[in-house]
Amino acid sequence: WVEDRGVCHLGEDGRIIAVEGVVRRLSIGRPARPAGSLGGIEPQSE
């Protein structure tokens, strides 16, 4: 599971020229269950 956020650059005609951003890890496995948290950021289900 990843988080993807950034900015898209538009031309004068409104078309997308480029998209720049950052992809960041959230967790491995099932996000709503304690199935192998990564770096302590996996939310606990209890």
All heavy atoms as atom14 arrays in JSON, in Angstrom:
{
  "sequence": "WVEDRGVCHLGEDGRIIAVEGVVRRLSIGRPARPAGSLGGIEPQSE",
  "atom14_mask": [
    [1, 1, 1, 1, 1, 1, 1, 1, 1, 1, 1, 1, 1, 1],
    [1, 1, 1, 1, 1, 1, 1, 0, 0, 0, 0, 0, 0, 0],
    [1, 1, 1, 1, 1, 1, 1, 1, 1, 0, 0, 0, 0, 0],
    [1, 1, 1, 1, 1, 1, 1, 1, 0, 0, 0, 0, 0, 0],
    [1, 1, 1, 1, 1, 1, 1, 1, 1, 1, 1, 0, 0, 0],
    [1, 1, 1, 1, 0, 0, 0, 0, 0, 0, 0, 0, 0, 0],
    [1, 1, 1, 1, 1, 1, 1, 0, 0, 0, 0, 0, 0, 0],
    [1, 1, 1, 1, 1, 1, 0, 0, 0, 0, 0, 0, 0, 0],
    [1, 1, 1, 1, 1, 1, 1, 1, 1, 1, 0, 0, 0, 0],
    [1, 1, 1, 1, 1, 1, 1, 1, 0, 0, 0, 0, 0, 0],
    [1, 1, 1, 1, 0, 0, 0, 0, 0, 0, 0, 0, 0, 0],
    [1, 1, 1, 1, 1, 1, 1, 1, 1, 0, 0, 0, 0, 0],
    [1, 1, 1, 1, 1, 1, 1, 1, 0, 0, 0, 0, 0, 0],
    [1, 1, 1, 1, 0, 0, 0, 0, 0, 0, 0, 0, 0, 0],
    [1, 1, 1, 1, 1, 1, 1, 1, 1, 1, 1, 0, 0, 0],
    [1, 1, 1, 1, 1, 1, 1, 1, 0, 0, 0, 0, 0, 0],
    [1, 1, 1, 1, 1, 1, 1, 1, 0, 0, 0, 0, 0, 0],
    [1, 1, 1, 1, 1, 0, 0, 0, 0, 0, 0, 0, 0, 0],
    [1, 1, 1, 1, 1, 1, 1, 0, 0, 0, 0, 0, 0, 0],
    [1, 1, 1, 1, 1, 1, 1, 1, 1, 0, 0, 0, 0, 0],
    [1, 1, 1, 1, 0, 0, 0, 0, 0, 0, 0, 0, 0, 0],
    [1, 1, 1, 1, 1, 1, 1, 0, 0, 0, 0, 0, 0, 0],
    [1, 1, 1, 1, 1, 1, 1, 0, 0, 0, 0, 0, 0, 0],
    [1, 1, 1, 1, 1, 1, 1, 1, 1, 1, 1, 0, 0, 0],
    [1, 1, 1, 1, 1, 1, 1, 1, 1, 1, 1, 0, 0, 0],
    [1, 1, 1, 1, 1, 1, 1, 1, 0, 0, 0, 0, 0, 0],
    [1, 1, 1, 1, 1, 1, 0, 0, 0, 0, 0, 0, 0, 0],
    [1, 1, 1, 1, 1, 1, 1, 1, 0, 0, 0, 0, 0, 0],
    [1, 1, 1, 1, 0, 0, 0, 0, 0, 0, 0, 0, 0, 0],
    [1, 1, 1, 1, 1, 1, 1, 1, 1, 1, 1, 0, 0, 0],
    [1, 1, 1, 1, 1, 1, 1, 0, 0, 0, 0, 0, 0, 0],
    [1, 1, 1, 1, 1, 0, 0, 0, 0, 0, 0, 0, 0, 0],
    [1, 1, 1, 1, 1, 1, 1, 1, 1, 1, 1, 0, 0, 0],
    [1, 1, 1, 1, 1, 1, 1, 0, 0, 0, 0, 0, 0, 0],
    [1, 1, 1, 1, 1, 0, 0, 0, 0, 0, 0, 0, 0, 0],
    [1, 1, 1, 1, 0, 0, 0, 0, 0, 0, 0, 0, 0, 0],
    [1, 1, 1, 1, 1, 1, 0, 0, 0, 0, 0, 0, 0, 0],
    [1, 1, 1, 1, 1, 1, 1, 1, 0, 0, 0, 0, 0, 0],
    [1, 1, 1, 1, 0, 0, 0, 0, 0, 0, 0, 0, 0, 0],
    [1, 1, 1, 1, 0, 0, 0, 0, 0, 0, 0, 0, 0, 0],
    [1, 1, 1, 1, 1, 1, 1, 1, 0, 0, 0, 0, 0, 0],
    [1, 1, 1, 1, 1, 1, 1, 1, 1, 0, 0, 0, 0, 0],
    [1, 1, 1, 1, 1, 1, 1, 0, 0, 0, 0, 0, 0, 0],
    [1, 1, 1, 1, 1, 1, 1, 1, 1, 0, 0, 0, 0, 0],
    [1, 1, 1, 1, 1, 1, 0, 0, 0, 0, 0, 0, 0, 0],
    [1, 1, 1, 1, 1, 1, 1, 1, 1, 0, 0, 0, 0, 0]
  ],
  "atom14_positions": [
    [[0.85, -1.19, 0.0], [0.0, 0.0, 0.0], [0.88, 1.24, 0.0], [1.83, 1.35, 0.8], [-0.9, 0.0, 1.23], [-1.96, -1.06, 1.18], [-1.85, -2.35, 1.6], [-3.27, -0.92, 0.67], [-3.01, -3.01, 1.39], [-3.91, -2.17, 0.81], [-3.98, 0.14, 0.09], [-5.22, -2.38, 0.4], [-5.28, -0.07, -0.31], [-5.88, -1.32, -0.16]],
    [[0.59, 2.16, -0.91], [1.41, 3.36, -1.06], [0.52, 4.59, -1.09], [-0.67, 4.53, -1.4], [2.27, 3.31, -2.34], [3.24, 2.15, -2.31], [1.38, 3.26, -3.59], [0.0, 0.0, 0.0], [0.0, 0.0, 0.0], [0.0, 0.0, 0.0], [0.0, 0.0, 0.0], [0.0, 0.0, 0.0], [0.0, 0.0, 0.0], [0.0, 0.0, 0.0]],
    [[1.15, 5.7, -0.76], [0.53, 7.02, -0.89], [1.2, 7.72, -2.06], [2.43, 7.72, -2.17], [0.73, 7.81, 0.39], [0.21, 9.24, 0.35], [0.6, 10.0, 1.6], [1.78, 10.38, 1.73], [-0.28, 10.18, 2.45], [0.0, 0.0, 0.0], [0.0, 0.0, 0.0], [0.0, 0.0, 0.0], [0.0, 0.0, 0.0], [0.0, 0.0, 0.0]],
    [[0.42, 8.32, -2.95], [0.93, 8.97, -4.15], [0.37, 10.39, -4.17], [-0.84, 10.59, -4.26], [0.48, 8.2, -5.39], [1.19, 8.65, -6.66], [1.78, 9.74, -6.65], [1.13, 7.9, -7.66], [0.0, 0.0, 0.0], [0.0, 0.0, 0.0], [0.0, 0.0, 0.0], [0.0, 0.0, 0.0], [0.0, 0.0, 0.0], [0.0, 0.0, 0.0]],
    [[1.26, 11.38, -4.07], [0.8, 12.76, -4.09], [1.77, 13.62, -4.89], [2.96, 13.32, -4.94], [0.63, 13.32, -2.69], [1.9, 13.36, -1.86], [1.69, 14.13, -0.56], [0.72, 13.5, 0.29], [0.23, 14.07, 1.4], [0.64, 15.29, 1.75], [-0.64, 13.45, 2.15], [0.0, 0.0, 0.0], [0.0, 0.0, 0.0], [0.0, 0.0, 0.0]],
    [[1.22, 14.66, -5.53], [2.09, 15.5, -6.32], [1.35, 16.59, -7.04], [0.26, 17.01, -6.64], [0.0, 0.0, 0.0], [0.0, 0.0, 0.0], [0.0, 0.0, 0.0], [0.0, 0.0, 0.0], [0.0, 0.0, 0.0], [0.0, 0.0, 0.0], [0.0, 0.0, 0.0], [0.0, 0.0, 0.0], [0.0, 0.0, 0.0], [0.0, 0.0, 0.0]],
    [[1.92, 17.04, -8.16], [1.38, 18.15, -8.92], [1.43, 17.81, -10.4], [2.36, 17.16, -10.86], [2.18, 19.45, -8.63], [3.65, 19.27, -8.98], [1.6, 20.64, -9.37], [0.0, 0.0, 0.0], [0.0, 0.0, 0.0], [0.0, 0.0, 0.0], [0.0, 0.0, 0.0], [0.0, 0.0, 0.0], [0.0, 0.0, 0.0], [0.0, 0.0, 0.0]],
    [[0.4, 18.22, -11.13], [0.42, 18.03, -12.58], [0.46, 19.41, -13.24], [-0.22, 20.35, -12.83], [-0.78, 17.22, -13.05], [-2.38, 17.85, -12.58], [0.0, 0.0, 0.0], [0.0, 0.0, 0.0], [0.0, 0.0, 0.0], [0.0, 0.0, 0.0], [0.0, 0.0, 0.0], [0.0, 0.0, 0.0], [0.0, 0.0, 0.0], [0.0, 0.0, 0.0]],
    [[1.3, 19.51, -14.27], [1.5, 20.76, -15.0], [0.63, 20.74, -16.25], [0.64, 19.78, -17.02], [2.97, 20.91, -15.38], [3.91, 20.9, -14.2], [4.32, 22.04, -13.55], [4.49, 19.86, -13.54], [5.11, 21.71, -12.55], [5.25, 20.39, -12.52], [0.0, 0.0, 0.0], [0.0, 0.0, 0.0], [0.0, 0.0, 0.0], [0.0, 0.0, 0.0]],
    [[-0.1, 21.82, -16.47], [-1.04, 21.9, -17.58], [-0.55, 22.88, -18.63], [0.05, 23.93, -18.31], [-2.42, 22.34, -17.08], [-3.04, 21.54, -15.94], [-4.36, 22.17, -15.54], [-3.24, 20.1, -16.34], [0.0, 0.0, 0.0], [0.0, 0.0, 0.0], [0.0, 0.0, 0.0], [0.0, 0.0, 0.0], [0.0, 0.0, 0.0], [0.0, 0.0, 0.0]],
    [[-0.81, 22.55, -19.89], [-0.52, 23.47, -20.96], [-1.62, 24.5, -21.11], [-2.64, 24.47, -20.41], [0.0, 0.0, 0.0], [0.0, 0.0, 0.0], [0.0, 0.0, 0.0], [0.0, 0.0, 0.0], [0.0, 0.0, 0.0], [0.0, 0.0, 0.0], [0.0, 0.0, 0.0], [0.0, 0.0, 0.0], [0.0, 0.0, 0.0], [0.0, 0.0, 0.0]],
    [[-1.45, 25.43, -22.06], [-2.45, 26.47, -22.26], [-3.79, 25.91, -22.69], [-4.84, 26.5, -22.44], [-1.95, 27.47, -23.31], [-0.74, 28.28, -22.85], [-0.3, 29.28, -23.89], [-0.93, 29.29, -24.97], [0.63, 30.06, -23.62], [0.0, 0.0, 0.0], [0.0, 0.0, 0.0], [0.0, 0.0, 0.0], [0.0, 0.0, 0.0], [0.0, 0.0, 0.0]],
    [[-3.75, 24.73, -23.34], [-4.99, 24.1, -23.78], [-5.61, 23.21, -22.72], [-6.63, 22.55, -22.96], [-4.74, 23.28, -25.05], [-3.68, 22.2, -24.84], [-3.12, 22.13, -23.71], [-3.39, 21.46, -25.79], [0.0, 0.0, 0.0], [0.0, 0.0, 0.0], [0.0, 0.0, 0.0], [0.0, 0.0, 0.0], [0.0, 0.0, 0.0], [0.0, 0.0, 0.0]],
    [[-5.0, 23.19, -21.52], [-5.54, 22.4, -20.43], [-5.05, 20.96, -20.39], [-5.39, 20.23, -19.47], [0.0, 0.0, 0.0], [0.0, 0.0, 0.0], [0.0, 0.0, 0.0], [0.0, 0.0, 0.0], [0.0, 0.0, 0.0], [0.0, 0.0, 0.0], [0.0, 0.0, 0.0], [0.0, 0.0, 0.0], [0.0, 0.0, 0.0], [0.0, 0.0, 0.0]],
    [[-4.27, 20.56, -21.37], [-3.77, 19.2, -21.38], [-2.61, 19.05, -20.39], [-1.88, 20.01, -20.12], [-3.31, 18.8, -22.78], [-4.43, 18.73, -23.8], [-3.91, 18.23, -25.14], [-4.99, 18.16, -26.13], [-4.83, 17.75, -27.37], [-3.61, 17.37, -27.79], [-5.85, 17.72, -28.2], [0.0, 0.0, 0.0], [0.0, 0.0, 0.0], [0.0, 0.0, 0.0]],
    [[-2.44, 17.82, -19.9], [-1.39, 17.56, -18.92], [-0.06, 17.42, -19.64], [0.11, 16.58, -20.53], [-1.7, 16.28, -18.12], [-3.01, 16.45, -17.35], [-0.56, 15.96, -17.16], [-3.48, 15.19, -16.67], [0.0, 0.0, 0.0], [0.0, 0.0, 0.0], [0.0, 0.0, 0.0], [0.0, 0.0, 0.0], [0.0, 0.0, 0.0], [0.0, 0.0, 0.0]],
    [[0.91, 18.24, -19.25], [2.24, 18.18, -19.83], [3.11, 17.2, -19.06], [3.82, 16.36, -19.65], [2.9, 19.57, -19.83], [2.06, 20.55, -20.66], [4.33, 19.51, -20.32], [2.55, 21.98, -20.57], [0.0, 0.0, 0.0], [0.0, 0.0, 0.0], [0.0, 0.0, 0.0], [0.0, 0.0, 0.0], [0.0, 0.0, 0.0], [0.0, 0.0, 0.0]],
    [[3.05, 17.29, -17.74], [3.88, 16.41, -16.91], [3.24, 16.29, -15.54], [2.49, 17.16, -15.09], [5.3, 16.96, -16.78], [0.0, 0.0, 0.0], [0.0, 0.0, 0.0], [0.0, 0.0, 0.0], [0.0, 0.0, 0.0], [0.0, 0.0, 0.0], [0.0, 0.0, 0.0], [0.0, 0.0, 0.0], [0.0, 0.0, 0.0], [0.0, 0.0, 0.0]],
    [[3.56, 15.17, -14.89], [3.11, 14.93, -13.52], [4.34, 14.64, -12.68], [5.16, 13.78, -13.02], [2.13, 13.74, -13.45], [1.73, 13.48, -12.0], [0.92, 13.99, -14.31], [0.0, 0.0, 0.0], [0.0, 0.0, 0.0], [0.0, 0.0, 0.0], [0.0, 0.0, 0.0], [0.0, 0.0, 0.0], [0.0, 0.0, 0.0], [0.0, 0.0, 0.0]],
    [[4.5, 15.37, -11.59], [5.64, 15.18, -10.69], [5.1, 14.91, -9.3], [4.17, 15.56, -8.84], [6.53, 16.42, -10.69], [7.17, 16.71, -12.03], [7.93, 18.03, -12.04], [7.58, 18.92, -11.22], [8.85, 18.2, -12.85], [0.0, 0.0, 0.0], [0.0, 0.0, 0.0], [0.0, 0.0, 0.0], [0.0, 0.0, 0.0], [0.0, 0.0, 0.0]],
    [[5.71, 13.95, -8.62], [5.21, 13.62, -7.29], [6.13, 12.7, -6.53], [7.28, 12.44, -6.92], [0.0, 0.0, 0.0], [0.0, 0.0, 0.0], [0.0, 0.0, 0.0], [0.0, 0.0, 0.0], [0.0, 0.0, 0.0], [0.0, 0.0, 0.0], [0.0, 0.0, 0.0], [0.0, 0.0, 0.0], [0.0, 0.0, 0.0], [0.0, 0.0, 0.0]],
    [[5.58, 12.2, -5.43], [6.32, 11.3, -4.53], [5.42, 10.13, -4.19], [4.24, 10.31, -3.84], [6.74, 12.02, -3.23], [7.42, 11.04, -2.28], [7.67, 13.19, -3.54], [0.0, 0.0, 0.0], [0.0, 0.0, 0.0], [0.0, 0.0, 0.0], [0.0, 0.0, 0.0], [0.0, 0.0, 0.0], [0.0, 0.0, 0.0], [0.0, 0.0, 0.0]],
    [[5.97, 8.94, -4.3], [5.28, 7.72, -3.86], [5.93, 7.29, -2.55], [7.15, 7.13, -2.49], [5.38, 6.6, -4.91], [4.86, 5.29, -4.33], [4.59, 6.97, -6.15], [0.0, 0.0, 0.0], [0.0, 0.0, 0.0], [0.0, 0.0, 0.0], [0.0, 0.0, 0.0], [0.0, 0.0, 0.0], [0.0, 0.0, 0.0], [0.0, 0.0, 0.0]],
    [[5.11, 7.1, -1.53], [5.62, 6.75, -0.2], [4.95, 5.48, 0.29], [3.74, 5.31, 0.15], [5.34, 7.89, 0.78], [5.96, 7.71, 2.15], [5.81, 8.99, 2.96], [4.42, 9.26, 3.3], [3.81, 8.81, 4.4], [4.46, 8.04, 5.25], [2.55, 9.12, 4.62], [0.0, 0.0, 0.0], [0.0, 0.0, 0.0], [0.0, 0.0, 0.0]],
    [[5.73, 4.6, 0.88], [5.19, 3.36, 1.43], [4.3, 3.64, 2.63], [4.63, 4.45, 3.49], [6.31, 2.43, 1.88], [6.96, 1.63, 0.77], [7.78, 0.49, 1.36], [8.29, -0.38, 0.31], [8.65, -1.63, 0.5], [8.56, -2.16, 1.7], [9.12, -2.36, -0.5], [0.0, 0.0, 0.0], [0.0, 0.0, 0.0], [0.0, 0.0, 0.0]],
    [[3.16, 2.93, 2.67], [2.31, 2.95, 3.86], [2.43, 1.64, 4.62], [2.68, 1.61, 5.82], [0.85, 3.19, 3.47], [0.51, 4.57, 2.91], [-0.95, 4.62, 2.51], [0.82, 5.64, 3.92], [0.0, 0.0, 0.0], [0.0, 0.0, 0.0], [0.0, 0.0, 0.0], [0.0, 0.0, 0.0], [0.0, 0.0, 0.0], [0.0, 0.0, 0.0]],
    [[2.22, 0.52, 3.94], [2.26, -0.76, 4.63], [2.33, -1.89, 3.63], [2.04, -1.72, 2.45], [1.04, -0.96, 5.53], [-0.13, -1.04, 4.74], [0.0, 0.0, 0.0], [0.0, 0.0, 0.0], [0.0, 0.0, 0.0], [0.0, 0.0, 0.0], [0.0, 0.0, 0.0], [0.0, 0.0, 0.0], [0.0, 0.0, 0.0], [0.0, 0.0, 0.0]],
    [[2.72, -3.05, 4.14], [2.68, -4.28, 3.36], [1.61, -5.16, 3.96], [1.52, -5.3, 5.18], [4.03, -5.01, 3.39], [5.1, -4.17, 2.69], [3.94, -6.37, 2.72], [6.47, -4.76, 2.76], [0.0, 0.0, 0.0], [0.0, 0.0, 0.0], [0.0, 0.0, 0.0], [0.0, 0.0, 0.0], [0.0, 0.0, 0.0], [0.0, 0.0, 0.0]],
    [[0.8, -5.78, 3.13], [-0.25, -6.66, 3.64], [-1.58, -5.95, 3.66], [-1.87, -5.1, 2.84], [0.0, 0.0, 0.0], [0.0, 0.0, 0.0], [0.0, 0.0, 0.0], [0.0, 0.0, 0.0], [0.0, 0.0, 0.0], [0.0, 0.0, 0.0], [0.0, 0.0, 0.0], [0.0, 0.0, 0.0], [0.0, 0.0, 0.0], [0.0, 0.0, 0.0]],
    [[-2.43, -6.3, 4.64], [-3.78, -5.76, 4.71], [-3.78, -4.52, 5.59], [-3.42, -4.59, 6.75], [-4.73, -6.82, 5.27], [-4.61, -8.16, 4.57], [-5.7, -9.08, 5.02], [-6.97, -8.67, 4.5], [-7.41, -8.94, 3.28], [-6.66, -9.63, 2.47], [-8.59, -8.53, 2.87], [0.0, 0.0, 0.0], [0.0, 0.0, 0.0], [0.0, 0.0, 0.0]],
    [[-4.2, -3.37, 5.09], [-4.08, -2.13, 5.85], [-4.97, -2.06, 7.07], [-4.64, -1.38, 8.02], [-4.48, -1.06, 4.83], [-5.38, -1.77, 3.89], [-4.83, -3.17, 3.8], [0.0, 0.0, 0.0], [0.0, 0.0, 0.0], [0.0, 0.0, 0.0], [0.0, 0.0, 0.0], [0.0, 0.0, 0.0], [0.0, 0.0, 0.0], [0.0, 0.0, 0.0]],
    [[-6.09, -2.73, 7.05], [-7.03, -2.59, 8.16], [-6.83, -3.66, 9.21], [-7.58, -3.77, 10.15], [-8.46, -2.66, 7.66], [0.0, 0.0, 0.0], [0.0, 0.0, 0.0], [0.0, 0.0, 0.0], [0.0, 0.0, 0.0], [0.0, 0.0, 0.0], [0.0, 0.0, 0.0], [0.0, 0.0, 0.0], [0.0, 0.0, 0.0], [0.0, 0.0, 0.0]],
    [[-5.79, -4.46, 9.07], [-5.53, -5.53, 10.02], [-4.05, -5.52, 10.39], [-3.21, -5.1, 9.6], [-5.88, -6.9, 9.41], [-7.35, -6.99, 9.05], [-7.57, -8.13, 8.08], [-8.96, -8.2, 7.7], [-9.53, -7.36, 6.85], [-8.83, -6.42, 6.27], [-10.8, -7.47, 6.55], [0.0, 0.0, 0.0], [0.0, 0.0, 0.0], [0.0, 0.0, 0.0]],
    [[-3.68, -6.0, 11.56], [-2.27, -5.99, 11.96], [-1.5, -7.11, 11.26], [-1.12, -8.09, 11.88], [-2.34, -6.23, 13.47], [-3.59, -7.02, 13.66], [-4.54, -6.54, 12.61], [0.0, 0.0, 0.0], [0.0, 0.0, 0.0], [0.0, 0.0, 0.0], [0.0, 0.0, 0.0], [0.0, 0.0, 0.0], [0.0, 0.0, 0.0], [0.0, 0.0, 0.0]],
    [[-1.3, -6.96, 9.95], [-0.69, -8.03, 9.18], [0.67, -7.61, 8.68], [0.9, -7.42, 7.5], [-1.6, -8.42, 8.02], [0.0, 0.0, 0.0], [0.0, 0.0, 0.0], [0.0, 0.0, 0.0], [0.0, 0.0, 0.0], [0.0, 0.0, 0.0], [0.0, 0.0, 0.0], [0.0, 0.0, 0.0], [0.0, 0.0, 0.0], [0.0, 0.0, 0.0]],
    [[1.62, -7.42, 9.58], [2.96, -7.09, 9.16], [3.16, -5.61, 8.96], [3.25, -5.13, 7.85], [0.0, 0.0, 0.0], [0.0, 0.0, 0.0], [0.0, 0.0, 0.0], [0.0, 0.0, 0.0], [0.0, 0.0, 0.0], [0.0, 0.0, 0.0], [0.0, 0.0, 0.0], [0.0, 0.0, 0.0], [0.0, 0.0, 0.0], [0.0, 0.0, 0.0]],
    [[3.21, -4.85, 10.04], [3.38, -3.41, 9.91], [4.78, -3.08, 9.44], [5.72, -3.83, 9.6], [3.1, -2.73, 11.26], [4.02, -3.19, 12.22], [0.0, 0.0, 0.0], [0.0, 0.0, 0.0], [0.0, 0.0, 0.0], [0.0, 0.0, 0.0], [0.0, 0.0, 0.0], [0.0, 0.0, 0.0], [0.0, 0.0, 0.0], [0.0, 0.0, 0.0]],
    [[4.92, -1.92, 8.86], [6.19, -1.48, 8.32], [6.57, -0.18, 8.99], [5.89, 0.82, 8.86], [6.09, -1.29, 6.81], [7.38, -0.87, 6.11], [8.39, -2.0, 6.14], [7.09, -0.45, 4.68], [0.0, 0.0, 0.0], [0.0, 0.0, 0.0], [0.0, 0.0, 0.0], [0.0, 0.0, 0.0], [0.0, 0.0, 0.0], [0.0, 0.0, 0.0]],
    [[7.65, -0.2, 9.74], [8.14, 1.02, 10.34], [7.21, 1.62, 11.36], [7.29, 2.8, 11.66], [0.0, 0.0, 0.0], [0.0, 0.0, 0.0], [0.0, 0.0, 0.0], [0.0, 0.0, 0.0], [0.0, 0.0, 0.0], [0.0, 0.0, 0.0], [0.0, 0.0, 0.0], [0.0, 0.0, 0.0], [0.0, 0.0, 0.0], [0.0, 0.0, 0.0]],
    [[6.3, 0.84, 11.9], [5.42, 1.33, 12.95], [4.28, 2.19, 12.45], [3.55, 2.76, 13.25], [0.0, 0.0, 0.0], [0.0, 0.0, 0.0], [0.0, 0.0, 0.0], [0.0, 0.0, 0.0], [0.0, 0.0, 0.0], [0.0, 0.0, 0.0], [0.0, 0.0, 0.0], [0.0, 0.0, 0.0], [0.0, 0.0, 0.0], [0.0, 0.0, 0.0]],
    [[4.12, 2.32, 11.11], [3.04, 3.17, 10.62], [1.8, 2.39, 10.27], [0.79, 2.96, 9.9], [3.49, 3.99, 9.39], [4.13, 3.08, 8.35], [4.39, 5.12, 9.78], [4.57, 3.83, 7.1], [0.0, 0.0, 0.0], [0.0, 0.0, 0.0], [0.0, 0.0, 0.0], [0.0, 0.0, 0.0], [0.0, 0.0, 0.0], [0.0, 0.0, 0.0]],
    [[1.82, 1.07, 10.35], [0.62, 0.27, 10.09], [-0.37, 0.46, 11.23], [-0.03, 0.24, 12.4], [1.01, -1.2, 9.99], [-0.17, -2.16, 10.02], [-0.97, -2.07, 8.73], [-0.52, -1.43, 7.79], [-2.05, -2.66, 8.69], [0.0, 0.0, 0.0], [0.0, 0.0, 0.0], [0.0, 0.0, 0.0], [0.0, 0.0, 0.0], [0.0, 0.0, 0.0]],
    [[-1.59, 0.91, 10.96], [-2.56, 1.13, 12.04], [-3.0, -0.18, 12.66], [-3.14, -1.19, 11.99], [-3.74, 1.8, 11.31], [-3.6, 1.35, 9.9], [-2.14, 1.19, 9.65], [0.0, 0.0, 0.0], [0.0, 0.0, 0.0], [0.0, 0.0, 0.0], [0.0, 0.0, 0.0], [0.0, 0.0, 0.0], [0.0, 0.0, 0.0], [0.0, 0.0, 0.0]],
    [[-3.19, -0.16, 13.94], [-3.63, -1.36, 14.66], [-5.13, -1.5, 14.53], [-5.86, -0.53, 14.5], [-3.24, -1.26, 16.13], [-1.74, -1.12, 16.34], [-0.99, -2.31, 15.8], [-1.32, -3.45, 16.09], [0.03, -2.06, 15.0], [0.0, 0.0, 0.0], [0.0, 0.0, 0.0], [0.0, 0.0, 0.0], [0.0, 0.0, 0.0], [0.0, 0.0, 0.0]],
    [[-5.6, -2.74, 14.47], [-7.02, -2.97, 14.29], [-7.76, -3.07, 15.61], [-8.96, -3.02, 15.65], [-7.24, -4.26, 13.49], [-6.72, -5.36, 14.22], [0.0, 0.0, 0.0], [0.0, 0.0, 0.0], [0.0, 0.0, 0.0], [0.0, 0.0, 0.0], [0.0, 0.0, 0.0], [0.0, 0.0, 0.0], [0.0, 0.0, 0.0], [0.0, 0.0, 0.0]],
    [[-7.06, -3.19, 16.72], [-7.73, -3.39, 17.99], [-8.46, -2.14, 18.43], [-7.99, -1.01, 18.22], [-6.74, -3.8, 19.07], [-5.92, -5.03, 18.76], [-4.63, -4.68, 18.05], [-4.54, -3.54, 17.55], [-3.76, -5.54, 17.97], [0.0, 0.0, 0.0], [0.0, 0.0, 0.0], [0.0, 0.0, 0.0], [0.0, 0.0, 0.0], [0.0, 0.0, 0.0]]
  ]
}
